[in-house]
Amino acid sequence: MEHYRPKQYFLLMPLLALFIMWNFRRNHIYYLDHLIFTIHGTTAFFITQIVTVPLRRDLFGTESTFSDLIKWAVTIGIIWYLYKALTVFYQRSRKVTIKKMITLSFLYMMAAFISEWVIERFIYYFA
């Protein structure tokens, strides 16, 4: 399943851009701009993963407490980065941005769970 996860993220990017467009529809921004914003956020996520995953795996081991601490720090950092990016790009207040982030997170998690279920079935039947 881990082999297909980057492909899954790549395929979910247009869907996340659509979710962002629905949530920030009062800004009257084109879908392509939302897609570029999504690509920007996903790229930031992948860059942090390129740095931290080998660091956690090779230097500290996957089961260490420090490795878990790095994982949580990266998660909090990504959430903060996304919050700041949404606030600056869409020019909304903190309260509105946080509410929209919660909605976006829920929609994206639902789409990720459904796509993961489909990928698992695909692997089971065709592998």
C-alpha atoms as a PDB file:
ATOM      1  CA  MET A   1       0.000   0.000   0.000  1.00  0.00           C
ATOM      2  CA  GLU A   2       2.861   2.383   0.778  1.00  0.00           C
ATOM      3  CA  HIS A   3       4.084   1.984  -2.792  1.00  0.00           C
ATOM      4  CA  TYR A   4       0.874   3.568  -4.131  1.00  0.00           C
ATOM      5  CA  ARG A   5       0.576   6.395  -1.553  1.00  0.00           C
ATOM      6  CA  PRO A   6       2.486   9.084  -3.576  1.00  0.00           C
ATOM      7  CA  LYS A   7       0.345   8.270  -6.598  1.00  0.00           C
ATOM      8  CA  GLN A   8      -2.728   8.551  -4.421  1.00  0.00           C
ATOM      9  CA  TYR A   9      -1.660  12.011  -3.196  1.00  0.00           C
ATOM     10  CA  PHE A  10      -1.013  13.066  -6.771  1.00  0.00           C
ATOM     11  CA  LEU A  11      -4.440  11.898  -7.925  1.00  0.00           C
ATOM     12  CA  LEU A  12      -6.172  13.554  -4.968  1.00  0.00           C
ATOM     13  CA  MET A  13      -4.669  16.990  -5.719  1.00  0.00           C
ATOM     14  CA  PRO A  14      -7.371  18.037  -8.247  1.00  0.00           C
ATOM     15  CA  LEU A  15     -10.037  16.887  -5.795  1.00  0.00           C
ATOM     16  CA  LEU A  16      -8.473  18.901  -2.968  1.00  0.00           C
ATOM     17  CA  ALA A  17      -8.363  21.939  -5.263  1.00  0.00           C
ATOM     18  CA  LEU A  18     -12.077  21.442  -5.912  1.00  0.00           C
ATOM     19  CA  PHE A  19     -12.753  21.241  -2.165  1.00  0.00           C
ATOM     20  CA  ILE A  20     -10.772  24.441  -1.630  1.00  0.00           C
ATOM     21  CA  MET A  21     -12.663  26.142  -4.448  1.00  0.00           C
ATOM     22  CA  TRP A  22     -15.995  25.184  -2.856  1.00  0.00           C
ATOM     23  CA  ASN A  23     -14.884  26.437   0.556  1.00  0.00           C
ATOM     24  CA  PHE A  24     -13.435  29.717  -0.673  1.00  0.00           C
ATOM     25  CA  ARG A  25     -15.988  30.427  -3.393  1.00  0.00           C
ATOM     26  CA  ARG A  26     -16.542  34.049  -2.278  1.00  0.00           C
ATOM     27  CA  ASN A  27     -13.042  34.919  -3.485  1.00  0.00           C
ATOM     28  CA  HIS A  28     -14.050  34.319  -7.138  1.00  0.00           C
ATOM     29  CA  ILE A  29     -10.727  32.702  -7.983  1.00  0.00           C
ATOM     30  CA  TYR A  30     -10.400  30.326 -10.915  1.00  0.00           C
ATOM     31  CA  TYR A  31     -10.018  26.601 -10.362  1.00  0.00           C
ATOM     32  CA  LEU A  32      -6.515  26.649 -11.847  1.00  0.00           C
ATOM     33  CA  ASP A  33      -5.365  29.053  -9.117  1.00  0.00           C
ATOM     34  CA  HIS A  34      -6.731  26.685  -6.467  1.00  0.00           C
ATOM     35  CA  LEU A  35      -4.941  23.809  -8.189  1.00  0.00           C
ATOM     36  CA  ILE A  36      -1.647  25.720  -8.184  1.00  0.00           C
ATOM     37  CA  PHE A  37      -2.149  26.467  -4.488  1.00  0.00           C
ATOM     38  CA  THR A  38      -2.763  22.748  -3.870  1.00  0.00           C
ATOM     39  CA  ILE A  39       0.355  21.784  -5.831  1.00  0.00           C
ATOM     40  CA  HIS A  40       2.313  24.286  -3.738  1.00  0.00           C
ATOM     41  CA  GLY A  41       1.059  22.754  -0.475  1.00  0.00           C
ATOM     42  CA  THR A  42       1.637  19.196  -1.636  1.00  0.00           C
ATOM     43  CA  THR A  43       5.156  20.101  -2.761  1.00  0.00           C
ATOM     44  CA  ALA A  44       5.900  21.550   0.683  1.00  0.00           C
ATOM     45  CA  PHE A  45       4.637  18.310   2.231  1.00  0.00           C
ATOM     46  CA  PHE A  46       6.801  16.151  -0.046  1.00  0.00           C
ATOM     47  CA  ILE A  47       9.916  18.259   0.589  1.00  0.00           C
ATOM     48  CA  THR A  48       9.522  17.844   4.343  1.00  0.00           C
ATOM     49  CA  GLN A  49       8.996  14.112   3.858  1.00  0.00           C
ATOM     50  CA  ILE A  50      12.128  13.848   1.702  1.00  0.00           C
ATOM     51  CA  VAL A  51      14.129  15.308   4.571  1.00  0.00           C
ATOM     52  CA  THR A  52      12.455  13.790   7.622  1.00  0.00           C
ATOM     53  CA  VAL A  53      11.584  10.218   6.601  1.00  0.00           C
ATOM     54  CA  PRO A  54      15.202   9.119   5.977  1.00  0.00           C
ATOM     55  CA  LEU A  55      16.259  11.042   9.072  1.00  0.00           C
ATOM     56  CA  ARG A  56      13.693   9.231  11.212  1.00  0.00           C
ATOM     57  CA  ARG A  57      14.326   5.831   9.626  1.00  0.00           C
ATOM     58  CA  ASP A  58      18.125   5.764   9.366  1.00  0.00           C
ATOM     59  CA  LEU A  59      19.301   7.995  12.173  1.00  0.00           C
ATOM     60  CA  PHE A  60      16.801   7.374  14.957  1.00  0.00           C
ATOM     61  CA  GLY A  61      14.924   4.215  13.938  1.00  0.00           C
ATOM     62  CA  THR A  62      11.204   4.056  13.328  1.00  0.00           C
ATOM     63  CA  GLU A  63      10.288   2.891  16.835  1.00  0.00           C
ATOM     64  CA  SER A  64      12.179   5.523  18.858  1.00  0.00           C
ATOM     65  CA  THR A  65      10.544   8.243  20.909  1.00  0.00           C
ATOM     66  CA  PHE A  66      12.602  10.908  19.138  1.00  0.00           C
ATOM     67  CA  SER A  67      11.342   9.634  15.787  1.00  0.00           C
ATOM     68  CA  ASP A  68       7.762  10.047  16.989  1.00  0.00           C
ATOM     69  CA  LEU A  69       8.596  13.529  18.240  1.00  0.00           C
ATOM     70  CA  ILE A  70       9.928  14.463  14.787  1.00  0.00           C
ATOM     71  CA  LYS A  71       6.779  13.044  13.189  1.00  0.00           C
ATOM     72  CA  TRP A  72       4.531  15.162  15.424  1.00  0.00           C
ATOM     73  CA  ALA A  73       6.673  18.274  14.912  1.00  0.00           C
ATOM     74  CA  VAL A  74       6.449  17.859  11.128  1.00  0.00           C
ATOM     75  CA  THR A  75       2.671  17.334  11.323  1.00  0.00           C
ATOM     76  CA  ILE A  76       2.211  20.473  13.419  1.00  0.00           C
ATOM     77  CA  GLY A  77       4.544  22.379  11.089  1.00  0.00           C
ATOM     78  CA  ILE A  78       2.589  21.318   7.992  1.00  0.00           C
ATOM     79  CA  ILE A  79      -0.713  22.291   9.630  1.00  0.00           C
ATOM     80  CA  TRP A  80       0.735  25.687  10.611  1.00  0.00           C
ATOM     81  CA  TYR A  81       2.161  26.203   7.116  1.00  0.00           C
ATOM     82  CA  LEU A  82      -1.192  25.352   5.508  1.00  0.00           C
ATOM     83  CA  TYR A  83      -3.008  27.674   7.916  1.00  0.00           C
ATOM     84  CA  LYS A  84      -0.682  30.581   7.136  1.00  0.00           C
ATOM     85  CA  ALA A  85      -0.824  29.895   3.395  1.00  0.00           C
ATOM     86  CA  LEU A  86      -4.645  29.806   3.399  1.00  0.00           C
ATOM     87  CA  THR A  87      -4.812  32.979   5.487  1.00  0.00           C
ATOM     88  CA  VAL A  88      -2.460  34.901   3.204  1.00  0.00           C
ATOM     89  CA  PHE A  89      -3.682  33.574  -0.148  1.00  0.00           C
ATOM     90  CA  TYR A  90      -7.432  33.824   0.520  1.00  0.00           C
ATOM     91  CA  GLN A  91      -7.233  36.840   2.876  1.00  0.00           C
ATOM     92  CA  ARG A  92      -9.625  35.542   5.511  1.00  0.00           C
ATOM     93  CA  SER A  93      -9.697  35.965   9.269  1.00  0.00           C
ATOM     94  CA  ARG A  94      -8.194  33.419  11.644  1.00  0.00           C
ATOM     95  CA  LYS A  95     -11.553  32.104  12.779  1.00  0.00           C
ATOM     96  CA  VAL A  96     -12.890  31.630   9.237  1.00  0.00           C
ATOM     97  CA  THR A  97      -9.642  30.037   8.064  1.00  0.00           C
ATOM     98  CA  ILE A  98      -9.632  27.548  10.954  1.00  0.00           C
ATOM     99  CA  LYS A  99     -13.262  26.576  10.297  1.00  0.00           C
ATOM    100  CA  LYS A 100     -12.547  26.099   6.606  1.00  0.00           C
ATOM    101  CA  MET A 101      -9.399  24.084   7.394  1.00  0.00           C
ATOM    102  CA  ILE A 102     -11.472  21.723   9.539  1.00  0.00           C
ATOM    103  CA  THR A 103     -13.994  21.312   6.722  1.00  0.00           C
ATOM    104  CA  LEU A 104     -11.232  20.765   4.160  1.00  0.00           C
ATOM    105  CA  SER A 105      -9.515  18.224   6.417  1.00  0.00           C
ATOM    106  CA  PHE A 106     -12.735  16.266   6.817  1.00  0.00           C
ATOM    107  CA  LEU A 107     -13.466  16.256   3.073  1.00  0.00           C
ATOM    108  CA  TYR A 108      -9.884  15.330   2.184  1.00  0.00           C
ATOM    109  CA  MET A 109      -9.770  12.519   4.757  1.00  0.00           C
ATOM    110  CA  MET A 110     -13.019  11.087   3.413  1.00  0.00           C
ATOM    111  CA  ALA A 111     -11.645  11.204  -0.143  1.00  0.00           C
ATOM    112  CA  ALA A 112      -8.362   9.650   1.028  1.00  0.00           C
ATOM    113  CA  PHE A 113     -10.142   6.814   2.842  1.00  0.00           C
ATOM    114  CA  ILE A 114     -12.323   6.084  -0.173  1.00  0.00           C
ATOM    115  CA  SER A 115      -9.373   6.154  -2.579  1.00  0.00           C
ATOM    116  CA  GLU A 116      -7.342   3.968  -0.239  1.00  0.00           C
ATOM    117  CA  TRP A 117     -10.209   1.465  -0.114  1.00  0.00           C
ATOM    118  CA  VAL A 118     -10.333   1.442  -3.936  1.00  0.00           C
ATOM    119  CA  ILE A 119      -6.547   0.969  -4.185  1.00  0.00           C
ATOM    120  CA  GLU A 120      -6.653  -1.904  -1.693  1.00  0.00           C
ATOM    121  CA  ARG A 121      -9.377  -3.619  -3.733  1.00  0.00           C
ATOM    122  CA  PHE A 122      -7.390  -3.001  -6.909  1.00  0.00           C
ATOM    123  CA  ILE A 123      -4.275  -4.552  -5.363  1.00  0.00           C
ATOM    124  CA  TYR A 124      -6.248  -7.498  -4.004  1.00  0.00           C
ATOM    125  CA  TYR A 125      -7.969  -8.337  -7.292  1.00  0.00           C
ATOM    126  CA  PHE A 126      -5.210  -7.575  -9.778  1.00  0.00           C
ATOM    127  CA  ALA A 127      -1.984  -8.311  -7.928  1.00  0.00           C
END
